[in-house]
Amino acid sequence: GTADLVTVVKPGQVVSWTALAVDLQ
């Protein structure tokens, strides 16, 4: 929930990033 997210992963895992706007306009 912050800009400092540290995502815990495993080697070989796929990571996908998406950006969404709060205001859909």
PDBML (XML) file of the C-alpha atoms, coordinates in Angstrom:
<?xml version="1.0" encoding="UTF-8" ?>
<PDBx:datablock datablockName="MODEL"
   xmlns:PDBx="http://pdbml.pdb.org/schema/pdbx-v50.xsd"
   xmlns:xsi="http://www.w3.org/2001/XMLSchema-instance"
   xsi:schemaLocation="http://pdbml.pdb.org/schema/pdbx-v50.xsd pdbx-v50.xsd">
   <PDBx:atom_siteCategory>
      <PDBx:atom_site id="1">
         <PDBx:B_iso_or_equiv>0.00</PDBx:B_iso_or_equiv>
         <PDBx:Cartn_x>0.000</PDBx:Cartn_x>
         <PDBx:Cartn_y>0.000</PDBx:Cartn_y>
         <PDBx:Cartn_z>0.000</PDBx:Cartn_z>
         <PDBx:auth_asym_id>A</PDBx:auth_asym_id>
         <PDBx:auth_atom_id>CA</PDBx:auth_atom_id>
         <PDBx:auth_comp_id>GLY</PDBx:auth_comp_id>
         <PDBx:auth_seq_id>1</PDBx:auth_seq_id>
         <PDBx:group_PDB>ATOM</PDBx:group_PDB>
         <PDBx:label_alt_id xsi:nil="true" />
         <PDBx:label_asym_id>A</PDBx:label_asym_id>
         <PDBx:label_atom_id>CA</PDBx:label_atom_id>
         <PDBx:label_comp_id>GLY</PDBx:label_comp_id>
         <PDBx:label_entity_id>1</PDBx:label_entity_id>
         <PDBx:label_seq_id>1</PDBx:label_seq_id>
         <PDBx:occupancy>1.00</PDBx:occupancy>
         <PDBx:pdbx_PDB_model_num>1</PDBx:pdbx_PDB_model_num>
         <PDBx:type_symbol>C</PDBx:type_symbol>
      </PDBx:atom_site>
      <PDBx:atom_site id="2">
         <PDBx:B_iso_or_equiv>0.00</PDBx:B_iso_or_equiv>
         <PDBx:Cartn_x>3.012</PDBx:Cartn_x>
         <PDBx:Cartn_y>2.328</PDBx:Cartn_y>
         <PDBx:Cartn_z>-0.157</PDBx:Cartn_z>
         <PDBx:auth_asym_id>A</PDBx:auth_asym_id>
         <PDBx:auth_atom_id>CA</PDBx:auth_atom_id>
         <PDBx:auth_comp_id>THR</PDBx:auth_comp_id>
         <PDBx:auth_seq_id>2</PDBx:auth_seq_id>
         <PDBx:group_PDB>ATOM</PDBx:group_PDB>
         <PDBx:label_alt_id xsi:nil="true" />
         <PDBx:label_asym_id>A</PDBx:label_asym_id>
         <PDBx:label_atom_id>CA</PDBx:label_atom_id>
         <PDBx:label_comp_id>THR</PDBx:label_comp_id>
         <PDBx:label_entity_id>1</PDBx:label_entity_id>
         <PDBx:label_seq_id>2</PDBx:label_seq_id>
         <PDBx:occupancy>1.00</PDBx:occupancy>
         <PDBx:pdbx_PDB_model_num>1</PDBx:pdbx_PDB_model_num>
         <PDBx:type_symbol>C</PDBx:type_symbol>
      </PDBx:atom_site>
      <PDBx:atom_site id="3">
         <PDBx:B_iso_or_equiv>0.00</PDBx:B_iso_or_equiv>
         <PDBx:Cartn_x>5.518</PDBx:Cartn_x>
         <PDBx:Cartn_y>3.470</PDBx:Cartn_y>
         <PDBx:Cartn_z>-2.776</PDBx:Cartn_z>
         <PDBx:auth_asym_id>A</PDBx:auth_asym_id>
         <PDBx:auth_atom_id>CA</PDBx:auth_atom_id>
         <PDBx:auth_comp_id>ALA</PDBx:auth_comp_id>
         <PDBx:auth_seq_id>3</PDBx:auth_seq_id>
         <PDBx:group_PDB>ATOM</PDBx:group_PDB>
         <PDBx:label_alt_id xsi:nil="true" />
         <PDBx:label_asym_id>A</PDBx:label_asym_id>
         <PDBx:label_atom_id>CA</PDBx:label_atom_id>
         <PDBx:label_comp_id>ALA</PDBx:label_comp_id>
         <PDBx:label_entity_id>1</PDBx:label_entity_id>
         <PDBx:label_seq_id>3</PDBx:label_seq_id>
         <PDBx:occupancy>1.00</PDBx:occupancy>
         <PDBx:pdbx_PDB_model_num>1</PDBx:pdbx_PDB_model_num>
         <PDBx:type_symbol>C</PDBx:type_symbol>
      </PDBx:atom_site>
      <PDBx:atom_site id="4">
         <PDBx:B_iso_or_equiv>0.00</PDBx:B_iso_or_equiv>
         <PDBx:Cartn_x>8.152</PDBx:Cartn_x>
         <PDBx:Cartn_y>1.431</PDBx:Cartn_y>
         <PDBx:Cartn_z>-0.891</PDBx:Cartn_z>
         <PDBx:auth_asym_id>A</PDBx:auth_asym_id>
         <PDBx:auth_atom_id>CA</PDBx:auth_atom_id>
         <PDBx:auth_comp_id>ASP</PDBx:auth_comp_id>
         <PDBx:auth_seq_id>4</PDBx:auth_seq_id>
         <PDBx:group_PDB>ATOM</PDBx:group_PDB>
         <PDBx:label_alt_id xsi:nil="true" />
         <PDBx:label_asym_id>A</PDBx:label_asym_id>
         <PDBx:label_atom_id>CA</PDBx:label_atom_id>
         <PDBx:label_comp_id>ASP</PDBx:label_comp_id>
         <PDBx:label_entity_id>1</PDBx:label_entity_id>
         <PDBx:label_seq_id>4</PDBx:label_seq_id>
         <PDBx:occupancy>1.00</PDBx:occupancy>
         <PDBx:pdbx_PDB_model_num>1</PDBx:pdbx_PDB_model_num>
         <PDBx:type_symbol>C</PDBx:type_symbol>
      </PDBx:atom_site>
      <PDBx:atom_site id="5">
         <PDBx:B_iso_or_equiv>0.00</PDBx:B_iso_or_equiv>
         <PDBx:Cartn_x>6.699</PDBx:Cartn_x>
         <PDBx:Cartn_y>-2.015</PDBx:Cartn_y>
         <PDBx:Cartn_z>-1.678</PDBx:Cartn_z>
         <PDBx:auth_asym_id>A</PDBx:auth_asym_id>
         <PDBx:auth_atom_id>CA</PDBx:auth_atom_id>
         <PDBx:auth_comp_id>LEU</PDBx:auth_comp_id>
         <PDBx:auth_seq_id>5</PDBx:auth_seq_id>
         <PDBx:group_PDB>ATOM</PDBx:group_PDB>
         <PDBx:label_alt_id xsi:nil="true" />
         <PDBx:label_asym_id>A</PDBx:label_asym_id>
         <PDBx:label_atom_id>CA</PDBx:label_atom_id>
         <PDBx:label_comp_id>LEU</PDBx:label_comp_id>
         <PDBx:label_entity_id>1</PDBx:label_entity_id>
         <PDBx:label_seq_id>5</PDBx:label_seq_id>
         <PDBx:occupancy>1.00</PDBx:occupancy>
         <PDBx:pdbx_PDB_model_num>1</PDBx:pdbx_PDB_model_num>
         <PDBx:type_symbol>C</PDBx:type_symbol>
      </PDBx:atom_site>
      <PDBx:atom_site id="6">
         <PDBx:B_iso_or_equiv>0.00</PDBx:B_iso_or_equiv>
         <PDBx:Cartn_x>9.199</PDBx:Cartn_x>
         <PDBx:Cartn_y>-4.864</PDBx:Cartn_y>
         <PDBx:Cartn_z>-1.336</PDBx:Cartn_z>
         <PDBx:auth_asym_id>A</PDBx:auth_asym_id>
         <PDBx:auth_atom_id>CA</PDBx:auth_atom_id>
         <PDBx:auth_comp_id>VAL</PDBx:auth_comp_id>
         <PDBx:auth_seq_id>6</PDBx:auth_seq_id>
         <PDBx:group_PDB>ATOM</PDBx:group_PDB>
         <PDBx:label_alt_id xsi:nil="true" />
         <PDBx:label_asym_id>A</PDBx:label_asym_id>
         <PDBx:label_atom_id>CA</PDBx:label_atom_id>
         <PDBx:label_comp_id>VAL</PDBx:label_comp_id>
         <PDBx:label_entity_id>1</PDBx:label_entity_id>
         <PDBx:label_seq_id>6</PDBx:label_seq_id>
         <PDBx:occupancy>1.00</PDBx:occupancy>
         <PDBx:pdbx_PDB_model_num>1</PDBx:pdbx_PDB_model_num>
         <PDBx:type_symbol>C</PDBx:type_symbol>
      </PDBx:atom_site>
      <PDBx:atom_site id="7">
         <PDBx:B_iso_or_equiv>0.00</PDBx:B_iso_or_equiv>
         <PDBx:Cartn_x>7.701</PDBx:Cartn_x>
         <PDBx:Cartn_y>-7.833</PDBx:Cartn_y>
         <PDBx:Cartn_z>-3.189</PDBx:Cartn_z>
         <PDBx:auth_asym_id>A</PDBx:auth_asym_id>
         <PDBx:auth_atom_id>CA</PDBx:auth_atom_id>
         <PDBx:auth_comp_id>THR</PDBx:auth_comp_id>
         <PDBx:auth_seq_id>7</PDBx:auth_seq_id>
         <PDBx:group_PDB>ATOM</PDBx:group_PDB>
         <PDBx:label_alt_id xsi:nil="true" />
         <PDBx:label_asym_id>A</PDBx:label_asym_id>
         <PDBx:label_atom_id>CA</PDBx:label_atom_id>
         <PDBx:label_comp_id>THR</PDBx:label_comp_id>
         <PDBx:label_entity_id>1</PDBx:label_entity_id>
         <PDBx:label_seq_id>7</PDBx:label_seq_id>
         <PDBx:occupancy>1.00</PDBx:occupancy>
         <PDBx:pdbx_PDB_model_num>1</PDBx:pdbx_PDB_model_num>
         <PDBx:type_symbol>C</PDBx:type_symbol>
      </PDBx:atom_site>
      <PDBx:atom_site id="8">
         <PDBx:B_iso_or_equiv>0.00</PDBx:B_iso_or_equiv>
         <PDBx:Cartn_x>8.953</PDBx:Cartn_x>
         <PDBx:Cartn_y>-11.210</PDBx:Cartn_y>
         <PDBx:Cartn_z>-1.966</PDBx:Cartn_z>
         <PDBx:auth_asym_id>A</PDBx:auth_asym_id>
         <PDBx:auth_atom_id>CA</PDBx:auth_atom_id>
         <PDBx:auth_comp_id>VAL</PDBx:auth_comp_id>
         <PDBx:auth_seq_id>8</PDBx:auth_seq_id>
         <PDBx:group_PDB>ATOM</PDBx:group_PDB>
         <PDBx:label_alt_id xsi:nil="true" />
         <PDBx:label_asym_id>A</PDBx:label_asym_id>
         <PDBx:label_atom_id>CA</PDBx:label_atom_id>
         <PDBx:label_comp_id>VAL</PDBx:label_comp_id>
         <PDBx:label_entity_id>1</PDBx:label_entity_id>
         <PDBx:label_seq_id>8</PDBx:label_seq_id>
         <PDBx:occupancy>1.00</PDBx:occupancy>
         <PDBx:pdbx_PDB_model_num>1</PDBx:pdbx_PDB_model_num>
         <PDBx:type_symbol>C</PDBx:type_symbol>
      </PDBx:atom_site>
      <PDBx:atom_site id="9">
         <PDBx:B_iso_or_equiv>0.00</PDBx:B_iso_or_equiv>
         <PDBx:Cartn_x>9.539</PDBx:Cartn_x>
         <PDBx:Cartn_y>-13.607</PDBx:Cartn_y>
         <PDBx:Cartn_z>-4.865</PDBx:Cartn_z>
         <PDBx:auth_asym_id>A</PDBx:auth_asym_id>
         <PDBx:auth_atom_id>CA</PDBx:auth_atom_id>
         <PDBx:auth_comp_id>VAL</PDBx:auth_comp_id>
         <PDBx:auth_seq_id>9</PDBx:auth_seq_id>
         <PDBx:group_PDB>ATOM</PDBx:group_PDB>
         <PDBx:label_alt_id xsi:nil="true" />
         <PDBx:label_asym_id>A</PDBx:label_asym_id>
         <PDBx:label_atom_id>CA</PDBx:label_atom_id>
         <PDBx:label_comp_id>VAL</PDBx:label_comp_id>
         <PDBx:label_entity_id>1</PDBx:label_entity_id>
         <PDBx:label_seq_id>9</PDBx:label_seq_id>
         <PDBx:occupancy>1.00</PDBx:occupancy>
         <PDBx:pdbx_PDB_model_num>1</PDBx:pdbx_PDB_model_num>
         <PDBx:type_symbol>C</PDBx:type_symbol>
      </PDBx:atom_site>
      <PDBx:atom_site id="10">
         <PDBx:B_iso_or_equiv>0.00</PDBx:B_iso_or_equiv>
         <PDBx:Cartn_x>11.235</PDBx:Cartn_x>
         <PDBx:Cartn_y>-16.902</PDBx:Cartn_y>
         <PDBx:Cartn_z>-5.762</PDBx:Cartn_z>
         <PDBx:auth_asym_id>A</PDBx:auth_asym_id>
         <PDBx:auth_atom_id>CA</PDBx:auth_atom_id>
         <PDBx:auth_comp_id>LYS</PDBx:auth_comp_id>
         <PDBx:auth_seq_id>10</PDBx:auth_seq_id>
         <PDBx:group_PDB>ATOM</PDBx:group_PDB>
         <PDBx:label_alt_id xsi:nil="true" />
         <PDBx:label_asym_id>A</PDBx:label_asym_id>
         <PDBx:label_atom_id>CA</PDBx:label_atom_id>
         <PDBx:label_comp_id>LYS</PDBx:label_comp_id>
         <PDBx:label_entity_id>1</PDBx:label_entity_id>
         <PDBx:label_seq_id>10</PDBx:label_seq_id>
         <PDBx:occupancy>1.00</PDBx:occupancy>
         <PDBx:pdbx_PDB_model_num>1</PDBx:pdbx_PDB_model_num>
         <PDBx:type_symbol>C</PDBx:type_symbol>
      </PDBx:atom_site>
      <PDBx:atom_site id="11">
         <PDBx:B_iso_or_equiv>0.00</PDBx:B_iso_or_equiv>
         <PDBx:Cartn_x>13.766</PDBx:Cartn_x>
         <PDBx:Cartn_y>-17.418</PDBx:Cartn_y>
         <PDBx:Cartn_z>-8.598</PDBx:Cartn_z>
         <PDBx:auth_asym_id>A</PDBx:auth_asym_id>
         <PDBx:auth_atom_id>CA</PDBx:auth_atom_id>
         <PDBx:auth_comp_id>PRO</PDBx:auth_comp_id>
         <PDBx:auth_seq_id>11</PDBx:auth_seq_id>
         <PDBx:group_PDB>ATOM</PDBx:group_PDB>
         <PDBx:label_alt_id xsi:nil="true" />
         <PDBx:label_asym_id>A</PDBx:label_asym_id>
         <PDBx:label_atom_id>CA</PDBx:label_atom_id>
         <PDBx:label_comp_id>PRO</PDBx:label_comp_id>
         <PDBx:label_entity_id>1</PDBx:label_entity_id>
         <PDBx:label_seq_id>11</PDBx:label_seq_id>
         <PDBx:occupancy>1.00</PDBx:occupancy>
         <PDBx:pdbx_PDB_model_num>1</PDBx:pdbx_PDB_model_num>
         <PDBx:type_symbol>C</PDBx:type_symbol>
      </PDBx:atom_site>
      <PDBx:atom_site id="12">
         <PDBx:B_iso_or_equiv>0.00</PDBx:B_iso_or_equiv>
         <PDBx:Cartn_x>12.038</PDBx:Cartn_x>
         <PDBx:Cartn_y>-18.372</PDBx:Cartn_y>
         <PDBx:Cartn_z>-11.837</PDBx:Cartn_z>
         <PDBx:auth_asym_id>A</PDBx:auth_asym_id>
         <PDBx:auth_atom_id>CA</PDBx:auth_atom_id>
         <PDBx:auth_comp_id>GLY</PDBx:auth_comp_id>
         <PDBx:auth_seq_id>12</PDBx:auth_seq_id>
         <PDBx:group_PDB>ATOM</PDBx:group_PDB>
         <PDBx:label_alt_id xsi:nil="true" />
         <PDBx:label_asym_id>A</PDBx:label_asym_id>
         <PDBx:label_atom_id>CA</PDBx:label_atom_id>
         <PDBx:label_comp_id>GLY</PDBx:label_comp_id>
         <PDBx:label_entity_id>1</PDBx:label_entity_id>
         <PDBx:label_seq_id>12</PDBx:label_seq_id>
         <PDBx:occupancy>1.00</PDBx:occupancy>
         <PDBx:pdbx_PDB_model_num>1</PDBx:pdbx_PDB_model_num>
         <PDBx:type_symbol>C</PDBx:type_symbol>
      </PDBx:atom_site>
      <PDBx:atom_site id="13">
         <PDBx:B_iso_or_equiv>0.00</PDBx:B_iso_or_equiv>
         <PDBx:Cartn_x>8.763</PDBx:Cartn_x>
         <PDBx:Cartn_y>-16.749</PDBx:Cartn_y>
         <PDBx:Cartn_z>-10.823</PDBx:Cartn_z>
         <PDBx:auth_asym_id>A</PDBx:auth_asym_id>
         <PDBx:auth_atom_id>CA</PDBx:auth_atom_id>
         <PDBx:auth_comp_id>GLN</PDBx:auth_comp_id>
         <PDBx:auth_seq_id>13</PDBx:auth_seq_id>
         <PDBx:group_PDB>ATOM</PDBx:group_PDB>
         <PDBx:label_alt_id xsi:nil="true" />
         <PDBx:label_asym_id>A</PDBx:label_asym_id>
         <PDBx:label_atom_id>CA</PDBx:label_atom_id>
         <PDBx:label_comp_id>GLN</PDBx:label_comp_id>
         <PDBx:label_entity_id>1</PDBx:label_entity_id>
         <PDBx:label_seq_id>13</PDBx:label_seq_id>
         <PDBx:occupancy>1.00</PDBx:occupancy>
         <PDBx:pdbx_PDB_model_num>1</PDBx:pdbx_PDB_model_num>
         <PDBx:type_symbol>C</PDBx:type_symbol>
      </PDBx:atom_site>
      <PDBx:atom_site id="14">
         <PDBx:B_iso_or_equiv>0.00</PDBx:B_iso_or_equiv>
         <PDBx:Cartn_x>7.053</PDBx:Cartn_x>
         <PDBx:Cartn_y>-14.384</PDBx:Cartn_y>
         <PDBx:Cartn_z>-13.300</PDBx:Cartn_z>
         <PDBx:auth_asym_id>A</PDBx:auth_asym_id>
         <PDBx:auth_atom_id>CA</PDBx:auth_atom_id>
         <PDBx:auth_comp_id>VAL</PDBx:auth_comp_id>
         <PDBx:auth_seq_id>14</PDBx:auth_seq_id>
         <PDBx:group_PDB>ATOM</PDBx:group_PDB>
         <PDBx:label_alt_id xsi:nil="true" />
         <PDBx:label_asym_id>A</PDBx:label_asym_id>
         <PDBx:label_atom_id>CA</PDBx:label_atom_id>
         <PDBx:label_comp_id>VAL</PDBx:label_comp_id>
         <PDBx:label_entity_id>1</PDBx:label_entity_id>
         <PDBx:label_seq_id>14</PDBx:label_seq_id>
         <PDBx:occupancy>1.00</PDBx:occupancy>
         <PDBx:pdbx_PDB_model_num>1</PDBx:pdbx_PDB_model_num>
         <PDBx:type_symbol>C</PDBx:type_symbol>
      </PDBx:atom_site>
      <PDBx:atom_site id="15">
         <PDBx:B_iso_or_equiv>0.00</PDBx:B_iso_or_equiv>
         <PDBx:Cartn_x>6.429</PDBx:Cartn_x>
         <PDBx:Cartn_y>-10.834</PDBx:Cartn_y>
         <PDBx:Cartn_z>-12.082</PDBx:Cartn_z>
         <PDBx:auth_asym_id>A</PDBx:auth_asym_id>
         <PDBx:auth_atom_id>CA</PDBx:auth_atom_id>
         <PDBx:auth_comp_id>VAL</PDBx:auth_comp_id>
         <PDBx:auth_seq_id>15</PDBx:auth_seq_id>
         <PDBx:group_PDB>ATOM</PDBx:group_PDB>
         <PDBx:label_alt_id xsi:nil="true" />
         <PDBx:label_asym_id>A</PDBx:label_asym_id>
         <PDBx:label_atom_id>CA</PDBx:label_atom_id>
         <PDBx:label_comp_id>VAL</PDBx:label_comp_id>
         <PDBx:label_entity_id>1</PDBx:label_entity_id>
         <PDBx:label_seq_id>15</PDBx:label_seq_id>
         <PDBx:occupancy>1.00</PDBx:occupancy>
         <PDBx:pdbx_PDB_model_num>1</PDBx:pdbx_PDB_model_num>
         <PDBx:type_symbol>C</PDBx:type_symbol>
      </PDBx:atom_site>
      <PDBx:atom_site id="16">
         <PDBx:B_iso_or_equiv>0.00</PDBx:B_iso_or_equiv>
         <PDBx:Cartn_x>3.840</PDBx:Cartn_x>
         <PDBx:Cartn_y>-8.631</PDBx:Cartn_y>
         <PDBx:Cartn_z>-13.825</PDBx:Cartn_z>
         <PDBx:auth_asym_id>A</PDBx:auth_asym_id>
         <PDBx:auth_atom_id>CA</PDBx:auth_atom_id>
         <PDBx:auth_comp_id>SER</PDBx:auth_comp_id>
         <PDBx:auth_seq_id>16</PDBx:auth_seq_id>
         <PDBx:group_PDB>ATOM</PDBx:group_PDB>
         <PDBx:label_alt_id xsi:nil="true" />
         <PDBx:label_asym_id>A</PDBx:label_asym_id>
         <PDBx:label_atom_id>CA</PDBx:label_atom_id>
         <PDBx:label_comp_id>SER</PDBx:label_comp_id>
         <PDBx:label_entity_id>1</PDBx:label_entity_id>
         <PDBx:label_seq_id>16</PDBx:label_seq_id>
         <PDBx:occupancy>1.00</PDBx:occupancy>
         <PDBx:pdbx_PDB_model_num>1</PDBx:pdbx_PDB_model_num>
         <PDBx:type_symbol>C</PDBx:type_symbol>
      </PDBx:atom_site>
      <PDBx:atom_site id="17">
         <PDBx:B_iso_or_equiv>0.00</PDBx:B_iso_or_equiv>
         <PDBx:Cartn_x>3.480</PDBx:Cartn_x>
         <PDBx:Cartn_y>-4.895</PDBx:Cartn_y>
         <PDBx:Cartn_z>-13.273</PDBx:Cartn_z>
         <PDBx:auth_asym_id>A</PDBx:auth_asym_id>
         <PDBx:auth_atom_id>CA</PDBx:auth_atom_id>
         <PDBx:auth_comp_id>TRP</PDBx:auth_comp_id>
         <PDBx:auth_seq_id>17</PDBx:auth_seq_id>
         <PDBx:group_PDB>ATOM</PDBx:group_PDB>
         <PDBx:label_alt_id xsi:nil="true" />
         <PDBx:label_asym_id>A</PDBx:label_asym_id>
         <PDBx:label_atom_id>CA</PDBx:label_atom_id>
         <PDBx:label_comp_id>TRP</PDBx:label_comp_id>
         <PDBx:label_entity_id>1</PDBx:label_entity_id>
         <PDBx:label_seq_id>17</PDBx:label_seq_id>
         <PDBx:occupancy>1.00</PDBx:occupancy>
         <PDBx:pdbx_PDB_model_num>1</PDBx:pdbx_PDB_model_num>
         <PDBx:type_symbol>C</PDBx:type_symbol>
      </PDBx:atom_site>
      <PDBx:atom_site id="18">
         <PDBx:B_iso_or_equiv>0.00</PDBx:B_iso_or_equiv>
         <PDBx:Cartn_x>0.358</PDBx:Cartn_x>
         <PDBx:Cartn_y>-2.872</PDBx:Cartn_y>
         <PDBx:Cartn_z>-14.100</PDBx:Cartn_z>
         <PDBx:auth_asym_id>A</PDBx:auth_asym_id>
         <PDBx:auth_atom_id>CA</PDBx:auth_atom_id>
         <PDBx:auth_comp_id>THR</PDBx:auth_comp_id>
         <PDBx:auth_seq_id>18</PDBx:auth_seq_id>
         <PDBx:group_PDB>ATOM</PDBx:group_PDB>
         <PDBx:label_alt_id xsi:nil="true" />
         <PDBx:label_asym_id>A</PDBx:label_asym_id>
         <PDBx:label_atom_id>CA</PDBx:label_atom_id>
         <PDBx:label_comp_id>THR</PDBx:label_comp_id>
         <PDBx:label_entity_id>1</PDBx:label_entity_id>
         <PDBx:label_seq_id>18</PDBx:label_seq_id>
         <PDBx:occupancy>1.00</PDBx:occupancy>
         <PDBx:pdbx_PDB_model_num>1</PDBx:pdbx_PDB_model_num>
         <PDBx:type_symbol>C</PDBx:type_symbol>
      </PDBx:atom_site>
      <PDBx:atom_site id="19">
         <PDBx:B_iso_or_equiv>0.00</PDBx:B_iso_or_equiv>
         <PDBx:Cartn_x>-0.435</PDBx:Cartn_x>
         <PDBx:Cartn_y>0.820</PDBx:Cartn_y>
         <PDBx:Cartn_z>-13.517</PDBx:Cartn_z>
         <PDBx:auth_asym_id>A</PDBx:auth_asym_id>
         <PDBx:auth_atom_id>CA</PDBx:auth_atom_id>
         <PDBx:auth_comp_id>ALA</PDBx:auth_comp_id>
         <PDBx:auth_seq_id>19</PDBx:auth_seq_id>
         <PDBx:group_PDB>ATOM</PDBx:group_PDB>
         <PDBx:label_alt_id xsi:nil="true" />
         <PDBx:label_asym_id>A</PDBx:label_asym_id>
         <PDBx:label_atom_id>CA</PDBx:label_atom_id>
         <PDBx:label_comp_id>ALA</PDBx:label_comp_id>
         <PDBx:label_entity_id>1</PDBx:label_entity_id>
         <PDBx:label_seq_id>19</PDBx:label_seq_id>
         <PDBx:occupancy>1.00</PDBx:occupancy>
         <PDBx:pdbx_PDB_model_num>1</PDBx:pdbx_PDB_model_num>
         <PDBx:type_symbol>C</PDBx:type_symbol>
      </PDBx:atom_site>
      <PDBx:atom_site id="20">
         <PDBx:B_iso_or_equiv>0.00</PDBx:B_iso_or_equiv>
         <PDBx:Cartn_x>-3.960</PDBx:Cartn_x>
         <PDBx:Cartn_y>2.002</PDBx:Cartn_y>
         <PDBx:Cartn_z>-12.781</PDBx:Cartn_z>
         <PDBx:auth_asym_id>A</PDBx:auth_asym_id>
         <PDBx:auth_atom_id>CA</PDBx:auth_atom_id>
         <PDBx:auth_comp_id>LEU</PDBx:auth_comp_id>
         <PDBx:auth_seq_id>20</PDBx:auth_seq_id>
         <PDBx:group_PDB>ATOM</PDBx:group_PDB>
         <PDBx:label_alt_id xsi:nil="true" />
         <PDBx:label_asym_id>A</PDBx:label_asym_id>
         <PDBx:label_atom_id>CA</PDBx:label_atom_id>
         <PDBx:label_comp_id>LEU</PDBx:label_comp_id>
         <PDBx:label_entity_id>1</PDBx:label_entity_id>
         <PDBx:label_seq_id>20</PDBx:label_seq_id>
         <PDBx:occupancy>1.00</PDBx:occupancy>
         <PDBx:pdbx_PDB_model_num>1</PDBx:pdbx_PDB_model_num>
         <PDBx:type_symbol>C</PDBx:type_symbol>
      </PDBx:atom_site>
      <PDBx:atom_site id="21">
         <PDBx:B_iso_or_equiv>0.00</PDBx:B_iso_or_equiv>
         <PDBx:Cartn_x>-5.262</PDBx:Cartn_x>
         <PDBx:Cartn_y>5.535</PDBx:Cartn_y>
         <PDBx:Cartn_z>-12.279</PDBx:Cartn_z>
         <PDBx:auth_asym_id>A</PDBx:auth_asym_id>
         <PDBx:auth_atom_id>CA</PDBx:auth_atom_id>
         <PDBx:auth_comp_id>ALA</PDBx:auth_comp_id>
         <PDBx:auth_seq_id>21</PDBx:auth_seq_id>
         <PDBx:group_PDB>ATOM</PDBx:group_PDB>
         <PDBx:label_alt_id xsi:nil="true" />
         <PDBx:label_asym_id>A</PDBx:label_asym_id>
         <PDBx:label_atom_id>CA</PDBx:label_atom_id>
         <PDBx:label_comp_id>ALA</PDBx:label_comp_id>
         <PDBx:label_entity_id>1</PDBx:label_entity_id>
         <PDBx:label_seq_id>21</PDBx:label_seq_id>
         <PDBx:occupancy>1.00</PDBx:occupancy>
         <PDBx:pdbx_PDB_model_num>1</PDBx:pdbx_PDB_model_num>
         <PDBx:type_symbol>C</PDBx:type_symbol>
      </PDBx:atom_site>
      <PDBx:atom_site id="22">
         <PDBx:B_iso_or_equiv>0.00</PDBx:B_iso_or_equiv>
         <PDBx:Cartn_x>-7.483</PDBx:Cartn_x>
         <PDBx:Cartn_y>6.344</PDBx:Cartn_y>
         <PDBx:Cartn_z>-9.298</PDBx:Cartn_z>
         <PDBx:auth_asym_id>A</PDBx:auth_asym_id>
         <PDBx:auth_atom_id>CA</PDBx:auth_atom_id>
         <PDBx:auth_comp_id>VAL</PDBx:auth_comp_id>
         <PDBx:auth_seq_id>22</PDBx:auth_seq_id>
         <PDBx:group_PDB>ATOM</PDBx:group_PDB>
         <PDBx:label_alt_id xsi:nil="true" />
         <PDBx:label_asym_id>A</PDBx:label_asym_id>
         <PDBx:label_atom_id>CA</PDBx:label_atom_id>
         <PDBx:label_comp_id>VAL</PDBx:label_comp_id>
         <PDBx:label_entity_id>1</PDBx:label_entity_id>
         <PDBx:label_seq_id>22</PDBx:label_seq_id>
         <PDBx:occupancy>1.00</PDBx:occupancy>
         <PDBx:pdbx_PDB_model_num>1</PDBx:pdbx_PDB_model_num>
         <PDBx:type_symbol>C</PDBx:type_symbol>
      </PDBx:atom_site>
      <PDBx:atom_site id="23">
         <PDBx:B_iso_or_equiv>0.00</PDBx:B_iso_or_equiv>
         <PDBx:Cartn_x>-9.657</PDBx:Cartn_x>
         <PDBx:Cartn_y>8.460</PDBx:Cartn_y>
         <PDBx:Cartn_z>-11.592</PDBx:Cartn_z>
         <PDBx:auth_asym_id>A</PDBx:auth_asym_id>
         <PDBx:auth_atom_id>CA</PDBx:auth_atom_id>
         <PDBx:auth_comp_id>ASP</PDBx:auth_comp_id>
         <PDBx:auth_seq_id>23</PDBx:auth_seq_id>
         <PDBx:group_PDB>ATOM</PDBx:group_PDB>
         <PDBx:label_alt_id xsi:nil="true" />
         <PDBx:label_asym_id>A</PDBx:label_asym_id>
         <PDBx:label_atom_id>CA</PDBx:label_atom_id>
         <PDBx:label_comp_id>ASP</PDBx:label_comp_id>
         <PDBx:label_entity_id>1</PDBx:label_entity_id>
         <PDBx:label_seq_id>23</PDBx:label_seq_id>
         <PDBx:occupancy>1.00</PDBx:occupancy>
         <PDBx:pdbx_PDB_model_num>1</PDBx:pdbx_PDB_model_num>
         <PDBx:type_symbol>C</PDBx:type_symbol>
      </PDBx:atom_site>
      <PDBx:atom_site id="24">
         <PDBx:B_iso_or_equiv>0.00</PDBx:B_iso_or_equiv>
         <PDBx:Cartn_x>-10.510</PDBx:Cartn_x>
         <PDBx:Cartn_y>6.440</PDBx:Cartn_y>
         <PDBx:Cartn_z>-14.690</PDBx:Cartn_z>
         <PDBx:auth_asym_id>A</PDBx:auth_asym_id>
         <PDBx:auth_atom_id>CA</PDBx:auth_atom_id>
         <PDBx:auth_comp_id>LEU</PDBx:auth_comp_id>
         <PDBx:auth_seq_id>24</PDBx:auth_seq_id>
         <PDBx:group_PDB>ATOM</PDBx:group_PDB>
         <PDBx:label_alt_id xsi:nil="true" />
         <PDBx:label_asym_id>A</PDBx:label_asym_id>
         <PDBx:label_atom_id>CA</PDBx:label_atom_id>
         <PDBx:label_comp_id>LEU</PDBx:label_comp_id>
         <PDBx:label_entity_id>1</PDBx:label_entity_id>
         <PDBx:label_seq_id>24</PDBx:label_seq_id>
         <PDBx:occupancy>1.00</PDBx:occupancy>
         <PDBx:pdbx_PDB_model_num>1</PDBx:pdbx_PDB_model_num>
         <PDBx:type_symbol>C</PDBx:type_symbol>
      </PDBx:atom_site>
      <PDBx:atom_site id="25">
         <PDBx:B_iso_or_equiv>0.00</PDBx:B_iso_or_equiv>
         <PDBx:Cartn_x>-10.631</PDBx:Cartn_x>
         <PDBx:Cartn_y>9.628</PDBx:Cartn_y>
         <PDBx:Cartn_z>-16.788</PDBx:Cartn_z>
         <PDBx:auth_asym_id>A</PDBx:auth_asym_id>
         <PDBx:auth_atom_id>CA</PDBx:auth_atom_id>
         <PDBx:auth_comp_id>GLN</PDBx:auth_comp_id>
         <PDBx:auth_seq_id>25</PDBx:auth_seq_id>
         <PDBx:group_PDB>ATOM</PDBx:group_PDB>
         <PDBx:label_alt_id xsi:nil="true" />
         <PDBx:label_asym_id>A</PDBx:label_asym_id>
         <PDBx:label_atom_id>CA</PDBx:label_atom_id>
         <PDBx:label_comp_id>GLN</PDBx:label_comp_id>
         <PDBx:label_entity_id>1</PDBx:label_entity_id>
         <PDBx:label_seq_id>25</PDBx:label_seq_id>
         <PDBx:occupancy>1.00</PDBx:occupancy>
         <PDBx:pdbx_PDB_model_num>1</PDBx:pdbx_PDB_model_num>
         <PDBx:type_symbol>C</PDBx:type_symbol>
      </PDBx:atom_site>
   </PDBx:atom_siteCategory>
</PDBx:datablock>
